[in-house]
């Protein structure tokens, strides 16, 4: 005699977990977009500051001190020791 085989009952059907609702999904997408825009703006700010301070250089000129307040070019160049000529002072030479 064989005993009847007993089959276990099927497991109860589980409903799939819906996860996030539609409203929660919308909020997550909006928050992600806002975070991405904020990140891009911060990156642009750092790039702008980097290039602004990188190009902020100084340069040196060989102009005589105090010539920026002279009334004319002649007056500015008259006292410049590098342009003083020991020779004939009646002949002037201008470089443009």
N, C-alpha and C. Protein backbone atom coordinates (compact mmCIF):
# COMPACT_ATOMS: atom_id res chain seq x y z
N UNK A 1 0.79 -1.15 0.00
CA UNK A 1 0.00 0.00 0.00
C UNK A 1 0.85 1.24 0.00
N UNK A 2 0.46 2.01 -0.77
CA UNK A 2 1.20 3.25 -0.82
C UNK A 2 0.38 4.35 -0.17
N UNK A 3 1.09 5.17 0.51
CA UNK A 3 0.39 6.26 1.19
C UNK A 3 0.20 7.41 0.22
N UNK A 4 -0.91 8.07 0.36
CA UNK A 4 -1.11 9.18 -0.59
C UNK A 4 -0.09 10.29 -0.32
N UNK A 5 0.38 10.84 -1.40
CA UNK A 5 1.35 11.92 -1.26
C UNK A 5 0.62 13.19 -0.86
N UNK A 6 1.22 13.81 0.12
CA UNK A 6 0.64 15.07 0.59
C UNK A 6 1.47 16.20 -0.01
N UNK A 7 0.80 17.04 -0.75
CA UNK A 7 1.50 18.19 -1.33
C UNK A 7 1.27 19.40 -0.43
N UNK A 8 2.31 20.13 -0.21
CA UNK A 8 2.15 21.32 0.63
C UNK A 8 1.27 22.33 -0.08
N UNK A 9 0.56 23.12 0.68
CA UNK A 9 -0.28 24.13 0.03
C UNK A 9 0.59 25.18 -0.64
N UNK A 10 0.13 25.76 -1.71
CA UNK A 10 0.94 26.80 -2.38
C UNK A 10 1.12 27.99 -1.45
N UNK A 11 2.27 28.64 -1.58
CA UNK A 11 2.49 29.81 -0.72
C UNK A 11 1.47 30.89 -1.04
N UNK A 12 1.12 31.66 -0.05
CA UNK A 12 0.14 32.71 -0.32
C UNK A 12 0.69 33.71 -1.33
N UNK A 13 -0.17 34.20 -2.16
CA UNK A 13 0.24 35.17 -3.17
C UNK A 13 0.57 36.48 -2.49
N UNK A 14 1.72 36.98 -2.82
CA UNK A 14 2.12 38.26 -2.26
C UNK A 14 1.93 39.32 -3.33
N UNK A 15 1.33 40.38 -2.92
CA UNK A 15 1.15 41.50 -3.84
C UNK A 15 2.49 42.20 -3.99
N UNK A 16 2.84 42.60 -5.19
CA UNK A 16 4.12 43.32 -5.35
C UNK A 16 4.06 44.64 -4.59
N UNK A 17 5.18 44.94 -3.97
CA UNK A 17 5.28 46.19 -3.22
C UNK A 17 5.30 47.34 -4.22
N UNK A 18 4.36 48.25 -4.11
CA UNK A 18 4.33 49.33 -5.10
C UNK A 18 5.51 50.28 -4.97
N UNK A 19 6.27 50.20 -3.90
CA UNK A 19 7.41 51.09 -3.74
C UNK A 19 6.93 52.49 -3.44
N UNK A 20 7.40 53.41 -4.25
CA UNK A 20 7.00 54.79 -4.03
C UNK A 20 5.71 55.08 -4.78
N UNK A 21 4.92 55.91 -4.20
CA UNK A 21 3.71 56.32 -4.88
C UNK A 21 4.06 57.34 -5.96
N UNK A 22 3.12 57.66 -6.75
CA UNK A 22 3.34 58.61 -7.83
C UNK A 22 3.76 59.97 -7.29
N UNK A 23 3.17 60.38 -6.20
CA UNK A 23 3.50 61.69 -5.63
C UNK A 23 4.92 61.69 -5.07
N UNK A 24 5.31 60.60 -4.41
CA UNK A 24 6.67 60.52 -3.89
C UNK A 24 7.69 60.49 -5.02
N UNK A 25 7.33 59.85 -6.12
CA UNK A 25 8.21 59.79 -7.28
C UNK A 25 8.39 61.18 -7.87
N UNK A 26 7.31 61.95 -7.97
CA UNK A 26 7.40 63.31 -8.50
C UNK A 26 8.29 64.18 -7.61
N UNK A 27 8.12 64.05 -6.31
CA UNK A 27 8.95 64.83 -5.38
C UNK A 27 10.41 64.47 -5.52
N UNK A 28 10.71 63.18 -5.68
CA UNK A 28 12.09 62.73 -5.84
C UNK A 28 12.71 63.28 -7.13
N UNK A 29 11.93 63.29 -8.21
CA UNK A 29 12.45 63.81 -9.48
C UNK A 29 12.71 65.31 -9.37
N UNK A 30 11.79 66.02 -8.77
CA UNK A 30 11.96 67.48 -8.61
C UNK A 30 13.18 67.77 -7.74
N UNK A 31 13.34 67.02 -6.66
CA UNK A 31 14.50 67.22 -5.78
C UNK A 31 15.80 66.91 -6.52
N UNK A 32 15.79 65.89 -7.35
CA UNK A 32 16.98 65.56 -8.13
C UNK A 32 17.33 66.64 -9.13
N UNK A 33 16.32 67.19 -9.79
CA UNK A 33 16.58 68.27 -10.75
C UNK A 33 17.12 69.50 -10.04
N UNK A 34 16.54 69.85 -8.90
CA UNK A 34 17.02 71.01 -8.15
C UNK A 34 18.45 70.80 -7.68
N UNK A 35 18.77 69.60 -7.21
CA UNK A 35 20.13 69.30 -6.78
C UNK A 35 21.11 69.38 -7.95
N UNK A 36 20.71 68.90 -9.12
CA UNK A 36 21.59 68.96 -10.29
C UNK A 36 21.83 70.41 -10.72
N UNK A 37 20.80 71.22 -10.72
CA UNK A 37 20.94 72.64 -11.10
C UNK A 37 21.85 73.36 -10.09
N UNK A 38 21.66 73.08 -8.81
CA UNK A 38 22.50 73.70 -7.78
C UNK A 38 23.96 73.29 -7.96
N UNK A 39 24.19 72.03 -8.27
CA UNK A 39 25.55 71.54 -8.48
C UNK A 39 26.20 72.24 -9.68
N UNK A 40 25.46 72.38 -10.76
CA UNK A 40 25.99 73.05 -11.96
C UNK A 40 26.30 74.51 -11.65
N UNK A 41 25.43 75.18 -10.92
CA UNK A 41 25.68 76.58 -10.58
C UNK A 41 26.92 76.75 -9.70
N UNK A 42 27.09 75.85 -8.75
CA UNK A 42 28.29 75.92 -7.89
C UNK A 42 29.54 75.68 -8.72
N UNK A 43 29.49 74.73 -9.64
CA UNK A 43 30.65 74.47 -10.51
C UNK A 43 30.96 75.69 -11.37
N UNK A 44 29.95 76.31 -11.93
CA UNK A 44 30.17 77.52 -12.74
C UNK A 44 30.75 78.65 -11.91
N UNK A 45 30.30 78.78 -10.68
CA UNK A 45 30.83 79.81 -9.79
C UNK A 45 32.32 79.59 -9.54
N UNK A 46 32.70 78.34 -9.26
CA UNK A 46 34.11 78.05 -9.03
C UNK A 46 34.94 78.29 -10.28
N UNK A 47 34.42 77.93 -11.44
CA UNK A 47 35.16 78.18 -12.69
C UNK A 47 35.35 79.67 -12.94
N UNK A 48 34.29 80.45 -12.72
CA UNK A 48 34.39 81.89 -12.93
C UNK A 48 35.40 82.51 -11.98
N UNK A 49 35.35 82.12 -10.71
CA UNK A 49 36.31 82.67 -9.75
C UNK A 49 37.73 82.25 -10.10
N UNK A 50 37.91 81.03 -10.54
CA UNK A 50 39.24 80.55 -10.91
C UNK A 50 39.82 81.40 -12.05
N UNK A 51 39.04 81.60 -13.10
CA UNK A 51 39.55 82.36 -14.24
C UNK A 51 39.67 83.85 -13.95
N UNK A 52 38.81 84.38 -13.08
CA UNK A 52 38.93 85.80 -12.74
C UNK A 52 40.22 86.06 -11.98
N UNK A 53 40.55 85.20 -11.03
CA UNK A 53 41.77 85.42 -10.25
C UNK A 53 43.01 84.95 -11.00
N UNK A 54 42.84 84.08 -11.95
CA UNK A 54 43.99 83.63 -12.73
C UNK A 54 44.46 84.73 -13.67
N UNK A 55 43.54 85.47 -14.26
CA UNK A 55 43.90 86.52 -15.20
C UNK A 55 44.17 87.86 -14.53
N UNK A 56 44.06 87.91 -13.22
CA UNK A 56 44.30 89.16 -12.52
C UNK A 56 45.79 89.27 -12.27
N UNK A 57 46.49 89.78 -13.23
CA UNK A 57 47.94 89.89 -13.11
C UNK A 57 48.37 91.34 -13.01
N UNK A 58 49.62 91.51 -12.69
CA UNK A 58 50.19 92.85 -12.63
C UNK A 58 51.30 92.91 -13.66
N UNK A 59 51.56 94.06 -14.10
CA UNK A 59 52.66 94.25 -15.03
C UNK A 59 53.44 95.47 -14.60
N UNK A 60 54.68 95.50 -14.99
CA UNK A 60 55.57 96.59 -14.61
C UNK A 60 55.94 97.38 -15.86
N UNK A 61 55.96 98.67 -15.71
CA UNK A 61 56.37 99.52 -16.81
C UNK A 61 57.67 100.22 -16.43
N UNK A 62 58.32 100.73 -17.41
CA UNK A 62 59.57 101.44 -17.18
C UNK A 62 59.36 102.95 -17.24
N UNK A 63 58.16 103.38 -16.96
CA UNK A 63 57.88 104.81 -17.00
C UNK A 63 58.40 105.46 -15.73
N UNK A 64 58.71 106.73 -15.86
CA UNK A 64 59.20 107.47 -14.71
C UNK A 64 58.07 107.68 -13.71
N UNK A 65 58.44 107.71 -12.45
CA UNK A 65 57.44 107.91 -11.40
C UNK A 65 56.95 109.36 -11.42
N UNK A 66 55.67 109.53 -11.23
CA UNK A 66 55.10 110.86 -11.16
C UNK A 66 54.72 111.46 -12.50
N UNK A 67 54.93 110.74 -13.59
CA UNK A 67 54.61 111.31 -14.91
C UNK A 67 53.13 111.26 -15.23
N UNK A 68 52.36 110.49 -14.48
CA UNK A 68 50.94 110.41 -14.79
C UNK A 68 50.20 111.70 -14.44
N UNK A 69 50.81 112.55 -13.63
CA UNK A 69 50.16 113.80 -13.23
C UNK A 69 50.69 115.00 -14.00
N UNK A 70 51.55 114.78 -14.98
CA UNK A 70 52.11 115.88 -15.75
C UNK A 70 51.05 116.48 -16.67
N UNK A 71 51.21 117.78 -16.96
CA UNK A 71 50.22 118.47 -17.80
C UNK A 71 50.38 118.13 -19.27
N UNK A 72 51.57 117.82 -19.71
CA UNK A 72 51.79 117.50 -21.12
C UNK A 72 52.88 116.45 -21.22
N UNK A 73 53.06 115.91 -22.41
CA UNK A 73 54.09 114.91 -22.63
C UNK A 73 55.48 115.52 -22.45
N UNK A 74 55.64 116.78 -22.88
CA UNK A 74 56.94 117.44 -22.70
C UNK A 74 57.29 117.57 -21.22
N UNK A 75 56.32 117.97 -20.43
CA UNK A 75 56.59 118.14 -19.00
C UNK A 75 56.87 116.80 -18.33
N UNK A 76 56.23 115.75 -18.78
CA UNK A 76 56.44 114.43 -18.20
C UNK A 76 57.82 113.90 -18.53
N UNK A 77 58.28 114.15 -19.76
CA UNK A 77 59.57 113.61 -20.19
C UNK A 77 60.74 114.53 -19.85
N UNK A 78 60.48 115.73 -19.47
CA UNK A 78 61.53 116.70 -19.23
C UNK A 78 62.43 116.30 -18.05
N UNK A 79 61.85 115.74 -17.02
CA UNK A 79 62.64 115.41 -15.83
C UNK A 79 63.04 113.94 -15.76
N UNK A 80 62.77 113.19 -16.78
CA UNK A 80 63.12 111.77 -16.77
C UNK A 80 64.64 111.63 -16.95
N UNK A 81 65.34 111.05 -15.97
CA UNK A 81 66.80 110.98 -16.07
C UNK A 81 67.28 110.06 -17.19
N UNK A 82 66.49 109.08 -17.56
CA UNK A 82 66.94 108.18 -18.63
C UNK A 82 66.88 108.86 -20.00
N UNK A 83 66.12 109.93 -20.10
CA UNK A 83 66.01 110.64 -21.38
C UNK A 83 66.83 111.92 -21.42
N UNK A 84 67.58 112.21 -20.38
CA UNK A 84 68.41 113.41 -20.35
C UNK A 84 69.56 113.24 -21.34
N UNK A 85 69.77 114.26 -22.12
CA UNK A 85 70.82 114.23 -23.13
C UNK A 85 71.85 115.28 -22.76
N UNK A 86 73.10 114.90 -22.78
CA UNK A 86 74.17 115.84 -22.45
C UNK A 86 74.52 116.71 -23.64
N UNK A 87 74.03 116.37 -24.80
CA UNK A 87 74.38 117.10 -26.01
C UNK A 87 73.48 118.31 -26.22
N UNK A 88 73.13 118.55 -27.45
CA UNK A 88 72.36 119.71 -27.86
C UNK A 88 70.92 119.56 -27.35
N UNK A 89 70.45 120.53 -26.56
CA UNK A 89 69.10 120.47 -26.01
C UNK A 89 68.07 121.13 -26.92
N UNK A 90 68.53 121.75 -28.03
CA UNK A 90 67.56 122.39 -28.92
C UNK A 90 66.89 121.37 -29.84
N UNK A 91 67.52 120.23 -29.99
CA UNK A 91 66.95 119.22 -30.86
C UNK A 91 66.18 118.21 -30.00
N UNK A 92 64.86 118.08 -30.28
CA UNK A 92 64.04 117.15 -29.52
C UNK A 92 63.63 115.99 -30.42
N UNK A 93 63.55 114.85 -29.82
CA UNK A 93 63.14 113.67 -30.57
C UNK A 93 62.01 112.99 -29.83
N UNK A 94 60.93 112.71 -30.54
CA UNK A 94 59.75 112.11 -29.92
C UNK A 94 59.55 110.71 -30.55
N UNK A 95 59.21 109.78 -29.70
CA UNK A 95 58.89 108.42 -30.16
C UNK A 95 57.39 108.22 -30.00
N UNK A 96 56.77 107.85 -31.08
CA UNK A 96 55.32 107.67 -31.05
C UNK A 96 55.02 106.19 -31.11
